[in-house]
N, C-alpha and C. Protein backbone atom coordinates (compact mmCIF):
# COMPACT_ATOMS: atom_id res chain seq x y z
N UNK A 1 -52.94 -4.88 29.93
CA UNK A 1 -52.22 -5.76 29.06
C UNK A 1 -51.97 -7.09 29.75
N UNK A 2 -52.21 -8.14 29.00
CA UNK A 2 -52.06 -9.47 29.59
C UNK A 2 -50.64 -9.98 29.33
N UNK A 3 -50.30 -11.05 29.99
CA UNK A 3 -48.97 -11.65 29.89
C UNK A 3 -48.68 -12.12 28.47
N UNK A 4 -49.71 -12.67 27.79
CA UNK A 4 -49.47 -13.15 26.42
C UNK A 4 -49.15 -11.99 25.47
N UNK A 5 -49.66 -10.79 25.75
CA UNK A 5 -49.33 -9.63 24.93
C UNK A 5 -47.86 -9.25 25.10
N UNK A 6 -47.36 -9.35 26.33
CA UNK A 6 -45.95 -9.07 26.58
C UNK A 6 -45.06 -10.08 25.84
N UNK A 7 -45.45 -11.35 25.89
CA UNK A 7 -44.68 -12.37 25.18
C UNK A 7 -44.73 -12.16 23.67
N UNK A 8 -45.85 -11.72 23.18
CA UNK A 8 -46.00 -11.44 21.75
C UNK A 8 -45.06 -10.30 21.34
N UNK A 9 -45.01 -9.24 22.15
CA UNK A 9 -44.12 -8.12 21.85
C UNK A 9 -42.66 -8.55 21.98
N UNK A 10 -42.33 -9.37 22.97
CA UNK A 10 -40.98 -9.86 23.16
C UNK A 10 -40.56 -10.74 21.98
N UNK A 11 -41.47 -11.59 21.53
CA UNK A 11 -41.20 -12.45 20.38
C UNK A 11 -40.96 -11.61 19.13
N UNK A 12 -41.77 -10.59 18.90
CA UNK A 12 -41.61 -9.71 17.75
C UNK A 12 -40.28 -8.97 17.83
N UNK A 13 -39.94 -8.48 19.02
CA UNK A 13 -38.66 -7.79 19.21
C UNK A 13 -37.49 -8.72 18.92
N UNK A 14 -37.53 -9.95 19.43
CA UNK A 14 -36.47 -10.92 19.20
C UNK A 14 -36.35 -11.23 17.70
N UNK A 15 -37.49 -11.38 17.02
CA UNK A 15 -37.50 -11.66 15.59
C UNK A 15 -36.85 -10.51 14.80
N UNK A 16 -37.22 -9.28 15.14
CA UNK A 16 -36.64 -8.13 14.45
C UNK A 16 -35.15 -8.00 14.72
N UNK A 17 -34.74 -8.30 15.95
CA UNK A 17 -33.33 -8.27 16.30
C UNK A 17 -32.55 -9.32 15.48
N UNK A 18 -33.08 -10.54 15.41
CA UNK A 18 -32.42 -11.59 14.63
C UNK A 18 -32.37 -11.23 13.15
N UNK A 19 -33.45 -10.68 12.64
CA UNK A 19 -33.50 -10.27 11.23
C UNK A 19 -32.47 -9.17 10.95
N UNK A 20 -32.35 -8.23 11.85
CA UNK A 20 -31.36 -7.16 11.70
C UNK A 20 -29.94 -7.68 11.71
N UNK A 21 -29.67 -8.65 12.60
CA UNK A 21 -28.34 -9.25 12.65
C UNK A 21 -28.01 -9.99 11.35
N UNK A 22 -28.96 -10.75 10.84
CA UNK A 22 -28.74 -11.50 9.60
C UNK A 22 -28.53 -10.53 8.43
N UNK A 23 -29.37 -9.51 8.32
CA UNK A 23 -29.22 -8.55 7.23
C UNK A 23 -27.90 -7.78 7.33
N UNK A 24 -27.52 -7.43 8.55
CA UNK A 24 -26.24 -6.73 8.74
C UNK A 24 -25.06 -7.59 8.35
N UNK A 25 -25.12 -8.88 8.70
CA UNK A 25 -24.04 -9.79 8.34
C UNK A 25 -23.97 -9.97 6.82
N UNK A 26 -25.12 -10.09 6.19
CA UNK A 26 -25.15 -10.24 4.73
C UNK A 26 -24.61 -8.99 4.05
N UNK A 27 -24.96 -7.82 4.56
CA UNK A 27 -24.47 -6.58 3.97
C UNK A 27 -22.95 -6.48 4.12
N UNK A 28 -22.44 -6.91 5.25
CA UNK A 28 -20.99 -6.90 5.46
C UNK A 28 -20.26 -7.83 4.52
N UNK A 29 -20.80 -9.02 4.33
CA UNK A 29 -20.18 -9.98 3.42
C UNK A 29 -20.24 -9.48 1.99
N UNK A 30 -21.40 -9.01 1.57
CA UNK A 30 -21.53 -8.51 0.20
C UNK A 30 -20.66 -7.27 -0.03
N UNK A 31 -20.57 -6.43 0.97
CA UNK A 31 -19.73 -5.24 0.85
C UNK A 31 -18.27 -5.59 0.69
N UNK A 32 -17.79 -6.60 1.42
CA UNK A 32 -16.39 -6.98 1.31
C UNK A 32 -16.10 -7.72 0.03
N UNK A 33 -17.10 -8.41 -0.53
CA UNK A 33 -16.88 -9.13 -1.79
C UNK A 33 -16.69 -8.16 -2.94
N UNK A 34 -17.46 -7.09 -2.97
CA UNK A 34 -17.41 -6.15 -4.09
C UNK A 34 -16.46 -4.97 -3.86
N UNK A 35 -15.81 -4.93 -2.71
CA UNK A 35 -14.90 -3.83 -2.42
C UNK A 35 -13.54 -4.12 -3.04
N UNK A 36 -12.92 -3.08 -3.61
CA UNK A 36 -11.58 -3.22 -4.18
C UNK A 36 -10.60 -3.44 -3.04
N UNK A 37 -9.72 -4.44 -3.16
CA UNK A 37 -8.76 -4.69 -2.09
C UNK A 37 -7.85 -3.48 -1.87
N UNK A 38 -7.50 -3.24 -0.64
CA UNK A 38 -6.66 -2.10 -0.28
C UNK A 38 -5.26 -2.25 -0.87
N UNK A 39 -4.78 -3.48 -0.94
CA UNK A 39 -3.42 -3.72 -1.37
C UNK A 39 -3.26 -3.70 -2.89
N UNK A 40 -4.34 -3.57 -3.63
CA UNK A 40 -4.25 -3.57 -5.09
C UNK A 40 -3.51 -2.32 -5.55
N UNK A 41 -2.60 -2.48 -6.47
CA UNK A 41 -1.78 -1.37 -6.93
C UNK A 41 -1.89 -1.23 -8.44
N UNK A 42 -1.76 -0.01 -8.90
CA UNK A 42 -1.76 0.22 -10.33
C UNK A 42 -0.34 0.29 -10.88
N UNK A 43 0.64 0.09 -10.02
CA UNK A 43 2.04 0.16 -10.42
C UNK A 43 2.47 -1.16 -11.04
N UNK A 44 3.17 -1.06 -12.17
CA UNK A 44 3.72 -2.26 -12.79
C UNK A 44 5.13 -2.45 -12.28
N UNK A 45 5.48 -3.67 -11.94
CA UNK A 45 6.81 -3.97 -11.45
C UNK A 45 7.52 -4.81 -12.50
N UNK A 46 8.70 -4.38 -12.88
CA UNK A 46 9.49 -5.11 -13.85
C UNK A 46 10.51 -5.95 -13.09
N UNK A 47 10.44 -7.24 -13.25
CA UNK A 47 11.36 -8.14 -12.57
C UNK A 47 12.43 -8.56 -13.57
N UNK A 48 13.66 -8.27 -13.22
CA UNK A 48 14.79 -8.63 -14.07
C UNK A 48 15.46 -9.88 -13.54
N UNK A 49 16.04 -10.64 -14.43
CA UNK A 49 16.75 -11.85 -14.02
C UNK A 49 18.17 -11.50 -13.60
N UNK A 50 18.72 -12.22 -12.65
CA UNK A 50 20.11 -12.04 -12.25
C UNK A 50 21.00 -12.53 -13.38
N UNK A 51 22.19 -12.00 -13.57
CA UNK A 51 22.90 -11.00 -12.77
C UNK A 51 22.60 -9.58 -13.19
N UNK A 52 21.73 -9.37 -14.18
CA UNK A 52 21.41 -8.03 -14.65
C UNK A 52 20.52 -7.28 -13.67
N UNK A 53 20.05 -7.98 -12.65
CA UNK A 53 19.07 -7.40 -11.73
C UNK A 53 19.56 -6.11 -11.08
N UNK A 54 20.84 -6.07 -10.67
CA UNK A 54 21.35 -4.91 -9.96
C UNK A 54 22.21 -4.03 -10.85
N UNK A 55 22.33 -4.37 -12.10
CA UNK A 55 23.17 -3.60 -13.01
C UNK A 55 22.70 -2.15 -13.13
N UNK A 56 21.40 -1.88 -13.32
CA UNK A 56 20.99 -0.46 -13.41
C UNK A 56 21.34 0.33 -12.15
N UNK A 57 21.24 -0.28 -10.99
CA UNK A 57 21.60 0.42 -9.75
C UNK A 57 23.10 0.68 -9.68
N UNK A 58 23.90 -0.27 -10.14
CA UNK A 58 25.35 -0.09 -10.10
C UNK A 58 25.82 1.04 -11.00
N UNK A 59 25.06 1.31 -12.05
CA UNK A 59 25.45 2.36 -12.99
C UNK A 59 25.12 3.76 -12.49
N UNK A 60 24.34 3.86 -11.42
CA UNK A 60 24.00 5.17 -10.85
C UNK A 60 25.20 5.75 -10.11
N UNK A 61 25.29 7.08 -10.05
CA UNK A 61 26.31 7.68 -9.18
C UNK A 61 26.06 7.29 -7.72
N UNK A 62 27.13 7.32 -6.94
CA UNK A 62 27.09 6.86 -5.55
C UNK A 62 25.96 7.50 -4.73
N UNK A 63 25.84 8.81 -4.78
CA UNK A 63 24.84 9.50 -3.95
C UNK A 63 23.42 9.16 -4.39
N UNK A 64 23.19 9.04 -5.70
CA UNK A 64 21.87 8.66 -6.19
C UNK A 64 21.54 7.23 -5.79
N UNK A 65 22.54 6.35 -5.87
CA UNK A 65 22.33 4.96 -5.47
C UNK A 65 22.00 4.87 -3.98
N UNK A 66 22.70 5.65 -3.16
CA UNK A 66 22.41 5.67 -1.72
C UNK A 66 20.99 6.16 -1.45
N UNK A 67 20.63 7.27 -2.07
CA UNK A 67 19.29 7.84 -1.85
C UNK A 67 18.21 6.85 -2.28
N UNK A 68 18.39 6.24 -3.44
CA UNK A 68 17.41 5.27 -3.93
C UNK A 68 17.33 4.05 -3.01
N UNK A 69 18.47 3.56 -2.60
CA UNK A 69 18.49 2.38 -1.72
C UNK A 69 17.81 2.65 -0.39
N UNK A 70 18.15 3.78 0.23
CA UNK A 70 17.56 4.10 1.53
C UNK A 70 16.05 4.35 1.42
N UNK A 71 15.64 5.15 0.42
CA UNK A 71 14.23 5.54 0.33
C UNK A 71 13.34 4.43 -0.21
N UNK A 72 13.78 3.75 -1.27
CA UNK A 72 12.92 2.78 -1.94
C UNK A 72 13.11 1.38 -1.40
N UNK A 73 14.36 0.93 -1.33
CA UNK A 73 14.60 -0.45 -0.91
C UNK A 73 14.49 -0.63 0.60
N UNK A 74 15.06 0.31 1.36
CA UNK A 74 15.01 0.22 2.83
C UNK A 74 13.75 0.88 3.40
N UNK A 75 13.02 1.65 2.59
CA UNK A 75 11.79 2.33 2.98
C UNK A 75 11.96 3.28 4.16
N UNK A 76 13.08 4.01 4.17
CA UNK A 76 13.30 5.02 5.20
C UNK A 76 12.64 6.33 4.78
N UNK A 77 12.28 7.15 5.75
CA UNK A 77 11.70 8.45 5.39
C UNK A 77 12.82 9.42 5.00
N UNK A 78 12.43 10.58 4.49
CA UNK A 78 13.40 11.53 3.96
C UNK A 78 14.35 12.03 5.05
N UNK A 79 13.82 12.32 6.22
CA UNK A 79 14.66 12.85 7.31
C UNK A 79 15.70 11.82 7.74
N UNK A 80 15.32 10.57 7.88
CA UNK A 80 16.27 9.52 8.28
C UNK A 80 17.30 9.30 7.19
N UNK A 81 16.87 9.32 5.95
CA UNK A 81 17.80 9.16 4.83
C UNK A 81 18.80 10.30 4.81
N UNK A 82 18.33 11.52 5.06
CA UNK A 82 19.23 12.68 5.08
C UNK A 82 20.27 12.54 6.19
N UNK A 83 19.86 12.09 7.35
CA UNK A 83 20.81 11.88 8.44
C UNK A 83 21.82 10.80 8.08
N UNK A 84 21.36 9.71 7.47
CA UNK A 84 22.26 8.62 7.11
C UNK A 84 23.26 9.04 6.03
N UNK A 85 22.82 9.89 5.12
CA UNK A 85 23.70 10.33 4.04
C UNK A 85 24.52 11.55 4.42
N UNK A 86 24.16 12.21 5.52
CA UNK A 86 24.89 13.39 5.96
C UNK A 86 24.63 14.60 5.07
N UNK A 87 23.40 14.76 4.62
CA UNK A 87 23.05 15.90 3.77
C UNK A 87 21.66 16.40 4.14
N UNK A 88 21.18 17.40 3.42
CA UNK A 88 19.86 17.97 3.71
C UNK A 88 18.76 17.12 3.08
N UNK A 89 17.54 17.35 3.54
CA UNK A 89 16.40 16.63 2.99
C UNK A 89 16.18 16.99 1.52
N UNK A 90 16.44 18.24 1.17
CA UNK A 90 16.32 18.66 -0.22
C UNK A 90 17.29 17.93 -1.13
N UNK A 91 18.50 17.70 -0.62
CA UNK A 91 19.49 16.95 -1.41
C UNK A 91 19.04 15.51 -1.62
N UNK A 92 18.44 14.92 -0.59
CA UNK A 92 17.94 13.55 -0.73
C UNK A 92 16.87 13.50 -1.82
N UNK A 93 15.96 14.45 -1.79
CA UNK A 93 14.89 14.48 -2.79
C UNK A 93 15.45 14.66 -4.20
N UNK A 94 16.48 15.51 -4.34
CA UNK A 94 17.10 15.74 -5.65
C UNK A 94 17.79 14.48 -6.13
N UNK A 95 18.58 13.83 -5.26
CA UNK A 95 19.28 12.60 -5.64
C UNK A 95 18.28 11.51 -6.01
N UNK A 96 17.22 11.41 -5.26
CA UNK A 96 16.20 10.39 -5.54
C UNK A 96 15.51 10.66 -6.87
N UNK A 97 15.18 11.91 -7.14
CA UNK A 97 14.55 12.28 -8.40
C UNK A 97 15.45 11.93 -9.58
N UNK A 98 16.73 12.28 -9.47
CA UNK A 98 17.67 12.00 -10.56
C UNK A 98 17.89 10.50 -10.73
N UNK A 99 17.91 9.76 -9.61
CA UNK A 99 18.06 8.30 -9.70
C UNK A 99 16.87 7.67 -10.41
N UNK A 100 15.68 8.11 -10.05
CA UNK A 100 14.48 7.56 -10.70
C UNK A 100 14.46 7.90 -12.19
N UNK A 101 14.86 9.12 -12.53
CA UNK A 101 14.93 9.50 -13.95
C UNK A 101 15.91 8.61 -14.70
N UNK A 102 17.10 8.39 -14.12
CA UNK A 102 18.12 7.57 -14.77
C UNK A 102 17.65 6.12 -14.92
N UNK A 103 17.03 5.59 -13.88
CA UNK A 103 16.53 4.21 -13.95
C UNK A 103 15.41 4.09 -14.97
N UNK A 104 14.54 5.08 -15.04
CA UNK A 104 13.46 5.07 -16.02
C UNK A 104 14.03 5.07 -17.43
N UNK A 105 15.05 5.90 -17.66
CA UNK A 105 15.67 5.96 -18.97
C UNK A 105 16.32 4.63 -19.32
N UNK A 106 17.00 4.01 -18.36
CA UNK A 106 17.63 2.70 -18.60
C UNK A 106 16.59 1.65 -18.94
N UNK A 107 15.45 1.68 -18.25
CA UNK A 107 14.41 0.70 -18.53
C UNK A 107 13.78 0.94 -19.90
N UNK A 108 13.62 2.19 -20.27
CA UNK A 108 13.07 2.49 -21.60
C UNK A 108 14.02 2.05 -22.69
N UNK A 109 15.33 2.26 -22.47
CA UNK A 109 16.33 1.82 -23.44
C UNK A 109 16.38 0.29 -23.52
N UNK A 110 16.11 -0.35 -22.41
CA UNK A 110 16.17 -1.82 -22.34
C UNK A 110 15.03 -2.45 -23.16
N UNK A 111 13.87 -1.77 -23.20
CA UNK A 111 12.73 -2.30 -23.95
C UNK A 111 13.08 -2.31 -25.39
């Protein structure tokens, strides 16, 4: 094999490497363009105007309001919420369930 054959193979290898890099970059860009964003949510958020904004929360019983505030607004986990409220994790889940039910009913009545 002569030196020019080595250069020919090296040139071909470099060309294939460059082509692979370009195709890989294009695939990455196209993939990110058509991919659904991670942060997209199917949840609808109802924004209320003040001073009615906190009225539904004020109408909840104290324990339900605490559970909802800690879990939803403060984003604490169930165990931490239970320690903060001084009750069991099951009680936190029950209070949170009842709070969500009451708030849902209030929002349905508001419509």
